[in-house]
Amino acid sequence: MNSSAVIIATLLLVASAASAAAPSRWNVLYLISDDLNNNLGCYGNPVVKSPNIDRLAARGMRFDRAYCSYPVCNASRTSFLSGRRPDTTGVVDNQTPTRAHLREAVFMPELFRQQGYRTIKVGKIFHTGAEFEDPRSWDVDIRETSRAKNPPVEQILRRQGPDGIVLRAKDEDTWEGFVARKAVELLTEAAAGNAPFFVAAGFRMPHRPYIAPEKYYALYDPDELKPRAGPREHLAKVPDLALTYRTGINPGFPAERPGDTIAAYYAAISYMDAQVGVVLQALDQLGLWDRTIVVFQSDHGYHLGEHGGLWHKLSLFEECARIPLIVAAPGRKTGASLRLVESVDLFPTLANLCGLPVREALEGTSFVPLLDDPVQPWKRAAFTVVARPRRDGDGKFGDLSWLGRTAFDGRWRYTEWPDGGAELYDHHHDPFEYENLAAEPEQRTQLARMKKILGDGWRGARPGM
C-alpha cells in the first residue's frame, strides 16, 4: 500500500471512530492569513483565484463589513486574541510584547484550554517572536520560523518586483505547505481523542515578501494589473497623518511596473488559498464539518497603491481597516451579512458558540445572533485606531495619546487625527474615499453625528444601545 493510501485509510478510521463518539462540544478550526485584504473571489474580486476560501464562504457566513481594531500584525492579533481593544491592551506597534499590559488576562485559546479543549497551534497566530508568543494558551505550540519569509536559496527561481519571490518547489516543500500539512496531522490526531479540539493554523502569506511557487505566479499577468491610485487632486484634502508615505512611515507603491507587485501579492493569496484547501479537505475526509466551527480571517487589510500610492498597512482607510471574515458553524445559516462586526468580537462569539463561560472583561460583542439572522439590526459602528510617531517625540510608535481614530457606521466613515486633522467620507457616493467632506458646510449635521459616534466609542455602538 502506498503512502497516500495509508493516509486515506487512517483518515477514514479516525472519521469512523469520531462518528461513533462525537464530542459534546463543538470543535474549532481557526485559520488566519497575514496581511490579507478583501481581494478574494467570494468578496467580488474578478481576478484573484481563491477557490478554497470561496468554498468555505459558500458553506458559512461571509461578513462583508468586518473590521480590525488596529492595522498592523502584533497590535491587531493582541486585540482579537485577548478580546480587548488597543486602548486596553496598550499594544499599538510590532515591538510591545503581547502581555506587557495584560499579565493575567485569559486569551481566547487559553480559555478553550482551561475548559478541556486540546489546543494546537501551527504557524503564526500570535505575532512572531518569543516575547509575543503565549505558551500557556497551547497544548501543542509549533511556531513560525525564519523560513516563513526566507525560503531556501535553492528553491528561488527568480524575483518579481521589489518583494516577489518565485519558487521552483512543490507546495509540500514550502513553509505554508508545512503549516497546512502539520495542522492536518495534528487535527487528525486530535479528532481521534476524547476531548474537543481548538486547532489554529496561521499562514504567513500574502505578507511581504510575496512568496509562492511558480504555478501561482503563472495565474496573473502583471501587464493587466494596475493600482487604483485615485484622482491626484483628492490628496490635497487628506490630512498628512492619514498618508503614511507623506509622513515618512512607509514608501510609496512601486511606480515602475506596479503590476509586478500586484501580481506577486495575488500569487501569494492563491498559494495560501491552496494550503487552506489542504486543511479543509481533511475536514471532508474526517467527516468533521457537522461537529466543527471553522473561522477564516485576516489580521488587517492591505494597500496596493490606493490614495496616490499607499502600500502595506498602517492607515485608517477602508482598504486597511476592512478584513475578510468567514464563519462556518454547524446548524447555522449560510450566506452573507452586511452588518458591522469587528475582529475583537471573535473571542466572545466563539466562546458563546461553544458554551464556554467568559469571566473576562471582553470588549467585543458576540455576533452569534447574526449567524441565525444576518439582516437583523446590529451595532451602530466599527472602530479602528492607528498610532503615529509624535513630531516632538523620539519618532517611535506607542503613545496612546497620539492615535488616529476612525468610526464607520456602514455608510459614513469619520476619522480624527491627534493634530486636529479630520476626514469624512460618504460610501454611498464615494466608496473609495476620494472626497473628504469634513470641511464642507452642508455636511455639518453628518459631521456632528459621526463625531458623537466616535466620541461615544464602542460601548455606545453596541446592539440595542
Protein backbone atom coordinates (compact mmCIF):
# COMPACT_ATOMS: atom_id res chain seq x y z
CA MET A 1 0.00 0.00 0.00
CA ASN A 2 1.49 3.38 -0.99
CA SER A 3 1.78 6.34 1.43
CA SER A 4 -1.27 8.14 0.01
CA ALA A 5 -3.43 5.06 0.51
CA VAL A 6 -2.18 4.71 4.10
CA ILE A 7 -3.06 8.34 4.87
CA ILE A 8 -6.55 7.98 3.38
CA ALA A 9 -7.13 4.73 5.28
CA THR A 10 -6.02 6.40 8.53
CA LEU A 11 -8.33 9.35 7.93
CA LEU A 12 -11.28 7.03 7.31
CA LEU A 13 -10.57 5.05 10.50
CA VAL A 14 -10.36 8.26 12.52
CA ALA A 15 -13.59 9.53 10.93
CA SER A 16 -15.34 6.30 11.89
CA ALA A 17 -14.09 6.50 15.48
CA ALA A 18 -15.05 10.17 15.75
CA SER A 19 -18.52 9.42 14.40
CA ALA A 20 -19.01 6.69 17.00
CA ALA A 21 -18.07 9.03 19.84
CA ALA A 22 -19.00 12.55 18.77
CA PRO A 23 -17.80 15.20 21.26
CA SER A 24 -20.41 17.01 23.32
CA ARG A 25 -18.94 20.39 22.37
CA TRP A 26 -18.03 21.86 19.02
CA ASN A 27 -14.50 21.61 17.73
CA VAL A 28 -12.89 24.79 16.38
CA LEU A 29 -10.66 25.17 13.34
CA TYR A 30 -9.22 28.68 13.30
CA LEU A 31 -7.44 29.84 10.13
CA ILE A 32 -5.63 33.19 9.97
CA SER A 33 -4.00 34.84 6.98
CA ASP A 34 -1.40 37.60 7.36
CA ASP A 35 -1.84 40.99 5.64
CA LEU A 36 -4.76 39.79 3.51
CA ASN A 37 -7.19 42.40 2.21
CA ASN A 38 -10.58 41.60 0.68
CA ASN A 39 -9.18 40.69 -2.73
CA LEU A 40 -10.85 37.28 -2.84
CA GLY A 41 -13.28 35.77 -5.30
CA CYS A 42 -16.01 35.45 -2.67
CA TYR A 43 -15.67 39.17 -1.91
CA GLY A 44 -16.13 40.12 -5.54
CA ASN A 45 -12.60 40.31 -6.95
CA PRO A 46 -12.91 39.03 -10.54
CA VAL A 47 -9.19 38.34 -10.95
CA VAL A 48 -7.95 36.62 -7.78
CA LYS A 49 -8.19 32.83 -7.74
CA SER A 50 -9.28 31.72 -4.26
CA PRO A 51 -11.46 28.62 -4.82
CA ASN A 52 -10.96 27.07 -1.39
CA ILE A 53 -11.76 30.15 0.65
CA ASP A 54 -14.69 30.72 -1.71
CA ARG A 55 -15.91 27.19 -0.95
CA LEU A 56 -15.72 27.86 2.77
CA ALA A 57 -17.71 31.08 2.27
CA ALA A 58 -20.38 29.13 0.40
CA ARG A 59 -20.95 26.82 3.36
CA GLY A 60 -20.70 29.51 6.05
CA MET A 61 -21.49 33.16 6.77
CA ARG A 62 -19.39 35.73 4.94
CA PHE A 63 -19.20 39.04 6.75
CA ASP A 64 -18.88 41.81 4.17
CA ARG A 65 -18.35 44.58 6.71
CA ALA A 66 -15.81 43.19 9.15
CA TYR A 67 -13.14 45.50 10.57
CA CYS A 68 -9.92 45.15 12.52
CA SER A 69 -9.13 47.11 15.68
CA TYR A 70 -5.66 48.07 14.52
CA PRO A 71 -3.99 47.80 11.08
CA VAL A 72 -0.70 46.10 11.97
CA CYS A 73 0.07 42.49 12.94
CA ASN A 74 1.03 42.49 16.63
CA ALA A 75 -1.48 45.10 17.75
CA SER A 76 -4.33 43.50 15.82
CA ARG A 77 -3.62 39.96 16.98
CA THR A 78 -3.20 41.00 20.60
CA SER A 79 -6.59 42.72 20.32
CA PHE A 80 -8.69 39.94 18.83
CA LEU A 81 -6.98 37.12 20.74
CA SER A 82 -7.50 38.93 24.05
CA GLY A 83 -10.95 40.26 23.17
CA ARG A 84 -9.83 43.76 24.10
CA ARG A 85 -9.21 46.92 22.12
CA PRO A 86 -5.80 48.60 21.69
CA ASP A 87 -6.58 51.30 24.28
CA THR A 88 -6.84 48.48 26.82
CA THR A 89 -4.11 46.14 25.57
CA GLY A 90 -1.65 49.04 25.33
CA VAL A 91 -0.20 47.38 22.21
CA VAL A 92 -0.08 49.75 19.24
CA ASP A 93 3.05 48.58 17.45
CA ASN A 94 5.04 45.48 16.48
CA GLN A 95 7.50 45.84 19.38
CA THR A 96 5.44 45.71 22.57
CA PRO A 97 5.15 42.15 23.96
CA THR A 98 1.67 40.64 23.88
CA ARG A 99 1.24 40.51 27.65
CA ALA A 100 3.10 43.72 28.52
CA HIS A 101 -0.12 45.18 29.98
CA LEU A 102 -2.29 42.04 30.16
CA ARG A 103 -0.29 39.92 32.57
CA GLU A 104 -3.06 37.71 33.91
CA ALA A 105 -5.62 38.06 31.13
CA VAL A 106 -7.05 34.86 29.69
CA PHE A 107 -6.63 34.86 25.92
CA MET A 108 -9.02 33.11 23.56
CA PRO A 109 -7.14 29.82 23.04
CA GLU A 110 -6.20 29.75 26.73
CA LEU A 111 -9.89 29.82 27.67
CA PHE A 112 -10.54 26.83 25.42
CA ARG A 113 -7.60 25.00 27.00
CA GLN A 114 -8.88 25.76 30.51
CA GLN A 115 -12.25 24.32 29.51
CA GLY A 116 -10.86 20.96 28.45
CA TYR A 117 -10.14 21.55 24.78
CA ARG A 118 -6.94 20.27 23.21
CA THR A 119 -5.41 23.45 21.83
CA ILE A 120 -2.98 23.22 18.93
CA LYS A 121 -1.13 25.96 17.09
CA VAL A 122 0.86 25.73 13.87
CA GLY A 123 2.41 28.85 12.35
CA LYS A 124 1.67 32.49 13.05
CA ILE A 125 -1.28 33.10 15.37
CA PHE A 126 0.21 35.49 17.90
CA HIS A 127 2.90 37.76 16.47
CA THR A 128 6.20 36.05 15.68
CA GLY A 129 8.94 36.09 18.35
CA ALA A 130 9.30 34.57 21.81
CA GLU A 131 8.15 37.75 23.57
CA PHE A 132 4.89 37.72 21.60
CA GLU A 133 4.02 34.03 21.81
CA ASP A 134 1.73 32.70 24.53
CA PRO A 135 2.75 29.18 25.57
CA ARG A 136 0.12 28.97 28.29
CA SER A 137 -2.54 29.02 25.56
CA TRP A 138 -1.43 25.81 23.83
CA ASP A 139 -1.02 22.10 24.37
CA VAL A 140 0.96 21.99 21.12
CA ASP A 141 2.82 25.12 20.01
CA ILE A 142 4.60 24.88 16.65
CA ARG A 143 5.91 28.36 15.98
CA GLU A 144 6.70 30.20 12.81
CA THR A 145 10.40 30.15 11.95
CA SER A 146 12.57 32.40 9.80
CA ARG A 147 11.95 30.01 6.93
CA ALA A 148 8.47 31.52 6.58
CA LYS A 149 9.92 34.62 4.92
CA ASN A 150 13.32 33.25 3.90
CA PRO A 151 12.86 30.23 1.63
CA PRO A 152 15.90 28.06 0.87
CA VAL A 153 18.12 29.71 -1.74
CA GLU A 154 17.98 26.60 -3.91
CA GLN A 155 14.19 26.97 -4.21
CA ILE A 156 14.29 30.55 -5.51
CA LEU A 157 13.70 30.63 -9.25
CA ARG A 158 13.56 34.39 -9.69
CA ARG A 159 12.26 37.60 -8.16
CA GLN A 160 9.40 39.75 -9.38
CA GLY A 161 9.15 43.39 -8.42
CA PRO A 162 10.76 44.60 -5.20
CA ASP A 163 9.13 41.96 -2.97
CA GLY A 164 8.02 39.00 -5.08
CA ILE A 165 9.86 35.66 -4.74
CA VAL A 166 9.06 32.93 -7.26
CA LEU A 167 9.82 29.40 -6.12
CA ARG A 168 10.67 26.25 -8.00
CA ALA A 169 9.19 23.94 -5.38
CA LYS A 170 6.24 21.71 -4.61
CA ASP A 171 3.72 23.12 -2.15
CA GLU A 172 4.53 20.46 0.42
CA ASP A 173 8.18 21.52 0.41
CA THR A 174 7.39 25.12 1.35
CA TRP A 175 6.66 26.78 4.68
CA GLU A 176 2.97 27.35 4.01
CA GLY A 177 2.70 23.78 2.80
CA PHE A 178 4.28 22.60 6.04
CA VAL A 179 1.81 24.63 8.13
CA ALA A 180 -1.18 23.13 6.32
CA ARG A 181 0.04 19.54 6.40
CA LYS A 182 1.22 19.68 10.00
CA ALA A 183 -2.13 21.16 11.00
CA VAL A 184 -3.88 18.27 9.24
CA GLU A 185 -1.66 15.74 11.00
CA LEU A 186 -2.33 17.21 14.43
CA LEU A 187 -6.03 17.76 13.71
CA THR A 188 -6.31 14.11 12.71
CA GLU A 189 -4.70 13.00 15.95
CA ALA A 190 -6.90 15.34 17.99
CA ALA A 191 -10.06 14.09 16.28
CA ALA A 192 -9.23 10.57 17.46
CA GLY A 193 -9.11 11.71 21.08
CA ASN A 194 -11.81 12.15 23.66
CA ALA A 195 -11.53 15.94 24.05
CA PRO A 196 -12.82 18.58 21.64
CA PHE A 197 -10.08 20.43 19.81
CA PHE A 198 -9.16 24.02 19.02
CA VAL A 199 -6.72 23.88 16.11
CA ALA A 200 -5.24 27.16 14.87
CA ALA A 201 -3.26 27.37 11.63
CA GLY A 202 -1.57 30.67 10.86
CA PHE A 203 -0.44 31.33 7.30
CA ARG A 204 2.25 33.92 6.54
CA MET A 205 1.04 34.76 3.06
CA PRO A 206 0.32 37.19 1.49
CA HIS A 207 2.61 39.15 3.85
CA ARG A 208 5.69 40.51 2.11
CA PRO A 209 7.89 39.15 0.70
CA TYR A 210 5.22 37.68 -1.56
CA ILE A 211 6.43 34.08 -1.78
CA ALA A 212 4.77 31.44 -3.95
CA PRO A 213 5.68 28.57 -6.27
CA GLU A 214 5.85 29.45 -9.96
CA LYS A 215 2.47 27.91 -10.83
CA TYR A 216 0.68 30.55 -8.73
CA TYR A 217 2.61 33.40 -10.34
CA ALA A 218 1.56 31.99 -13.71
CA LEU A 219 -2.09 32.73 -12.84
CA TYR A 220 -1.59 36.50 -13.16
CA ASP A 221 -0.37 38.76 -15.96
CA PRO A 222 1.36 41.82 -14.44
CA ASP A 223 0.67 43.87 -17.56
CA GLU A 224 -3.07 43.59 -16.94
CA LEU A 225 -2.95 44.79 -13.33
CA LYS A 226 -3.00 48.46 -12.37
CA PRO A 227 -3.17 50.12 -8.95
CA ARG A 228 -6.23 52.20 -8.11
CA ALA A 229 -4.39 55.38 -7.14
CA GLY A 230 -7.44 57.65 -7.42
CA PRO A 231 -7.55 61.21 -8.73
CA ARG A 232 -4.47 63.15 -7.64
CA GLU A 233 -6.48 66.17 -6.60
CA HIS A 234 -8.19 64.24 -3.79
CA LEU A 235 -4.92 64.09 -1.85
CA ALA A 236 -4.98 67.85 -1.26
CA LYS A 237 -7.87 67.43 1.21
CA VAL A 238 -6.36 64.45 3.04
CA PRO A 239 -4.51 65.21 6.31
CA ASP A 240 -0.81 64.46 6.33
CA LEU A 241 -1.12 61.93 9.15
CA ALA A 242 -3.58 59.90 7.06
CA LEU A 243 -1.00 59.22 4.34
CA THR A 244 1.78 57.02 5.62
CA TYR A 245 4.18 57.81 2.78
CA ARG A 246 3.64 61.54 3.29
CA THR A 247 4.68 61.21 6.94
CA GLY A 248 7.69 59.05 6.03
CA ILE A 249 6.34 55.88 7.65
CA ASN A 250 6.12 53.70 4.54
CA PRO A 251 7.46 54.03 1.00
CA GLY A 252 5.02 54.68 -1.80
CA PHE A 253 3.80 51.87 -4.03
CA PRO A 254 6.32 50.99 -6.77
CA ALA A 255 5.86 53.35 -9.72
CA GLU A 256 7.90 51.18 -12.07
CA ARG A 257 5.98 48.11 -13.27
CA PRO A 258 3.39 48.24 -10.46
CA GLY A 259 1.62 45.25 -11.95
CA ASP A 260 4.55 43.06 -10.94
CA THR A 261 3.86 43.77 -7.28
CA ILE A 262 0.09 43.33 -7.56
CA ALA A 263 0.56 40.03 -9.40
CA ALA A 264 3.03 38.87 -6.75
CA TYR A 265 0.57 39.69 -3.96
CA TYR A 266 -2.23 37.88 -5.80
CA ALA A 267 0.01 34.86 -6.38
CA ALA A 268 0.73 34.71 -2.65
CA ILE A 269 -3.02 34.78 -1.97
CA SER A 270 -3.68 31.88 -4.34
CA TYR A 271 -0.81 29.90 -2.81
CA MET A 272 -2.18 30.49 0.69
CA ASP A 273 -5.67 29.56 -0.53
CA ALA A 274 -4.38 26.22 -1.82
CA GLN A 275 -2.99 25.42 1.63
CA VAL A 276 -6.32 26.35 3.22
CA GLY A 277 -7.79 23.81 0.80
CA VAL A 278 -5.49 21.11 2.17
CA VAL A 279 -6.86 21.68 5.67
CA LEU A 280 -10.49 21.87 4.56
CA GLN A 281 -10.08 18.63 2.61
CA ALA A 282 -9.11 16.94 5.87
CA LEU A 283 -12.45 18.01 7.35
CA ASP A 284 -14.14 16.41 4.34
CA GLN A 285 -12.25 13.14 4.75
CA LEU A 286 -12.69 13.02 8.52
CA GLY A 287 -16.38 13.88 8.36
CA LEU A 288 -15.91 16.71 10.83
CA TRP A 289 -17.96 19.50 9.29
CA ASP A 290 -21.04 18.76 11.38
CA ARG A 291 -19.01 18.98 14.61
CA THR A 292 -16.56 21.77 13.81
CA ILE A 293 -16.78 25.56 13.70
CA VAL A 294 -14.45 26.92 11.03
CA VAL A 295 -13.25 30.52 11.08
CA PHE A 296 -11.17 32.21 8.40
CA GLN A 297 -9.93 35.75 8.84
CA SER A 298 -7.11 38.19 8.17
CA ASP A 299 -5.43 40.25 10.87
CA HIS A 300 -5.96 43.51 8.92
CA GLY A 301 -6.31 44.87 5.40
CA TYR A 302 -3.61 46.00 2.99
CA HIS A 303 -2.87 48.73 0.46
CA LEU A 304 -1.83 48.10 -3.13
CA GLY A 305 -1.33 51.65 -4.40
CA GLU A 306 -4.59 53.34 -3.38
CA HIS A 307 -4.77 57.02 -2.41
CA GLY A 308 -1.89 58.14 -4.54
CA GLY A 309 0.36 55.19 -3.81
CA LEU A 310 -0.21 53.79 -0.31
CA TRP A 311 1.48 50.45 0.31
CA HIS A 312 1.34 47.90 3.11
CA LYS A 313 -0.76 48.83 6.17
CA LEU A 314 -0.95 51.42 8.99
CA SER A 315 -3.72 53.56 7.53
CA LEU A 316 -7.35 54.13 8.53
CA PHE A 317 -8.77 53.96 5.02
CA GLU A 318 -11.26 51.23 4.12
CA GLU A 319 -8.68 49.08 2.33
CA CYS A 320 -6.65 48.76 5.52
CA ALA A 321 -9.34 48.66 8.21
CA ARG A 322 -11.62 46.14 6.49
CA ILE A 323 -10.88 42.42 6.68
CA PRO A 324 -12.26 39.19 5.24
CA LEU A 325 -14.10 37.15 7.87
CA ILE A 326 -15.94 33.87 7.30
CA VAL A 327 -17.58 31.71 9.97
CA ALA A 328 -18.98 28.27 9.14
CA ALA A 329 -20.80 26.84 12.16
CA PRO A 330 -22.87 23.63 12.25
CA GLY A 331 -26.60 24.24 12.15
CA ARG A 332 -26.25 27.96 11.41
CA LYS A 333 -27.26 29.83 8.29
CA THR A 334 -25.15 30.28 5.21
CA GLY A 335 -24.88 33.40 3.07
CA ALA A 336 -23.61 36.91 3.68
CA SER A 337 -24.20 39.63 6.23
CA LEU A 338 -23.80 43.37 5.71
CA ARG A 339 -23.98 44.05 9.42
CA LEU A 340 -20.93 45.58 11.10
CA VAL A 341 -18.69 43.19 13.02
CA GLU A 342 -15.18 43.60 14.39
CA SER A 343 -12.28 41.21 14.88
CA VAL A 344 -12.48 41.87 18.63
CA ASP A 345 -15.92 40.20 18.50
CA LEU A 346 -14.46 36.79 17.67
CA PHE A 347 -13.46 35.82 21.22
CA PRO A 348 -16.95 36.24 22.71
CA THR A 349 -18.53 34.75 19.58
CA LEU A 350 -16.54 31.50 19.67
CA ALA A 351 -16.95 31.20 23.43
CA ASN A 352 -20.70 31.72 23.02
CA LEU A 353 -20.97 29.15 20.22
CA CYS A 354 -19.12 26.56 22.30
CA GLY A 355 -20.93 27.31 25.55
CA LEU A 356 -17.81 28.39 27.42
CA PRO A 357 -18.07 30.66 30.45
CA VAL A 358 -16.36 34.01 29.94
CA ARG A 359 -15.31 35.82 33.09
CA GLU A 360 -13.02 38.25 31.31
CA ALA A 361 -13.89 41.91 30.72
CA LEU A 362 -14.16 41.49 26.95
CA GLU A 363 -14.70 44.50 24.71
CA GLY A 364 -16.31 42.80 21.74
CA THR A 365 -19.85 41.61 21.13
CA SER A 366 -20.80 38.03 20.30
CA PHE A 367 -22.33 38.04 16.83
CA VAL A 368 -23.90 34.59 17.17
CA PRO A 369 -27.36 36.13 16.53
CA LEU A 370 -26.17 37.17 13.06
CA LEU A 371 -25.39 33.54 12.25
CA ASP A 372 -29.13 32.85 12.56
CA ASP A 373 -30.48 36.18 11.29
CA PRO A 374 -27.81 38.02 9.28
CA VAL A 375 -30.02 41.03 8.49
CA GLN A 376 -31.21 41.90 11.99
CA PRO A 377 -30.28 45.34 13.40
CA TRP A 378 -26.81 45.25 14.88
CA LYS A 379 -24.08 47.56 16.17
CA ARG A 380 -24.03 51.20 15.08
CA ALA A 381 -20.36 51.46 14.14
CA ALA A 382 -16.99 49.72 13.88
CA PHE A 383 -13.83 51.31 15.27
CA THR A 384 -10.19 51.21 14.24
CA VAL A 385 -7.21 53.10 15.65
CA VAL A 386 -3.62 53.59 14.50
CA ALA A 387 -0.60 55.21 16.12
CA ARG A 388 1.61 57.89 14.65
CA PRO A 389 5.02 58.98 15.98
CA ARG A 390 4.80 62.32 17.78
CA ARG A 391 6.65 65.06 15.94
CA ASP A 392 8.01 66.31 19.27
CA GLY A 393 9.00 62.83 20.46
CA ASP A 394 11.56 60.17 19.62
CA GLY A 395 9.92 59.13 16.35
CA LYS A 396 8.61 55.85 17.79
CA PHE A 397 5.10 54.47 17.98
CA GLY A 398 3.43 53.53 21.24
CA ASP A 399 1.97 56.79 22.59
CA LEU A 400 -1.71 56.09 23.27
CA SER A 401 -2.43 59.82 23.33
CA TRP A 402 -1.25 60.15 19.73
CA LEU A 403 -3.66 57.86 17.90
CA GLY A 404 -5.72 58.36 14.79
CA ARG A 405 -9.25 57.08 15.35
CA THR A 406 -11.95 56.16 12.86
CA ALA A 407 -15.58 55.08 13.09
CA PHE A 408 -17.57 53.54 10.23
CA ASP A 409 -21.35 53.25 10.50
CA GLY A 410 -21.98 51.29 7.31
CA ARG A 411 -22.26 54.42 5.18
CA TRP A 412 -20.14 57.19 6.69
CA ARG A 413 -16.51 56.98 7.76
CA TYR A 414 -15.29 59.65 10.16
CA THR A 415 -11.62 59.90 11.18
CA GLU A 416 -9.86 62.18 13.65
CA TRP A 417 -6.11 62.68 13.90
CA PRO A 418 -4.27 63.89 17.02
CA ASP A 419 -3.03 67.04 15.29
CA GLY A 420 -6.61 68.14 14.58
CA GLY A 421 -6.97 66.73 11.07
CA ALA A 422 -10.31 65.14 10.19
CA GLU A 423 -11.90 63.14 7.39
CA LEU A 424 -15.50 62.38 6.47
CA TYR A 425 -16.47 60.07 3.60
CA ASP A 426 -19.87 59.03 2.27
CA HIS A 427 -19.62 55.47 0.99
CA HIS A 428 -22.94 55.66 -0.82
CA HIS A 429 -21.48 58.13 -3.29
CA ASP A 430 -17.76 57.69 -2.67
CA PRO A 431 -16.91 54.05 -1.77
CA PHE A 432 -13.19 54.57 -2.41
CA GLU A 433 -12.99 57.53 -0.02
CA TYR A 434 -11.73 60.10 -2.51
CA GLU A 435 -13.74 63.14 -1.36
CA ASN A 436 -13.07 64.33 2.18
CA LEU A 437 -16.25 66.17 3.24
CA ALA A 438 -15.13 67.14 6.75
CA ALA A 439 -14.79 70.83 5.88
CA GLU A 440 -17.96 71.06 3.75
CA PRO A 441 -20.62 73.30 5.38
CA GLU A 442 -23.50 71.18 4.02
CA GLN A 443 -22.18 68.15 5.92
CA ARG A 444 -22.14 69.77 9.37
CA THR A 445 -25.01 67.59 10.58
CA GLN A 446 -23.35 64.35 9.48
CA LEU A 447 -20.01 65.52 10.81
CA ALA A 448 -21.53 66.22 14.25
CA ARG A 449 -23.38 62.89 14.25
CA MET A 450 -20.28 60.87 13.35
CA LYS A 451 -18.14 62.86 15.77
CA LYS A 452 -20.52 61.85 18.55
CA ILE A 453 -20.44 58.18 17.48
CA LEU A 454 -16.65 58.24 17.56
CA GLY A 455 -16.67 60.01 20.93
CA ASP A 456 -19.19 57.58 22.43
CA GLY A 457 -16.96 54.73 21.29
CA TRP A 458 -17.69 51.02 21.07
CA ARG A 459 -19.82 50.93 24.21
CA GLY A 460 -22.29 53.36 22.69
CA ALA A 461 -22.41 51.43 19.41
CA ARG A 462 -23.38 48.02 20.78
CA PRO A 463 -26.62 46.37 19.58
CA GLY A 464 -29.62 47.77 21.39
CA MET A 465 -27.86 50.91 22.56
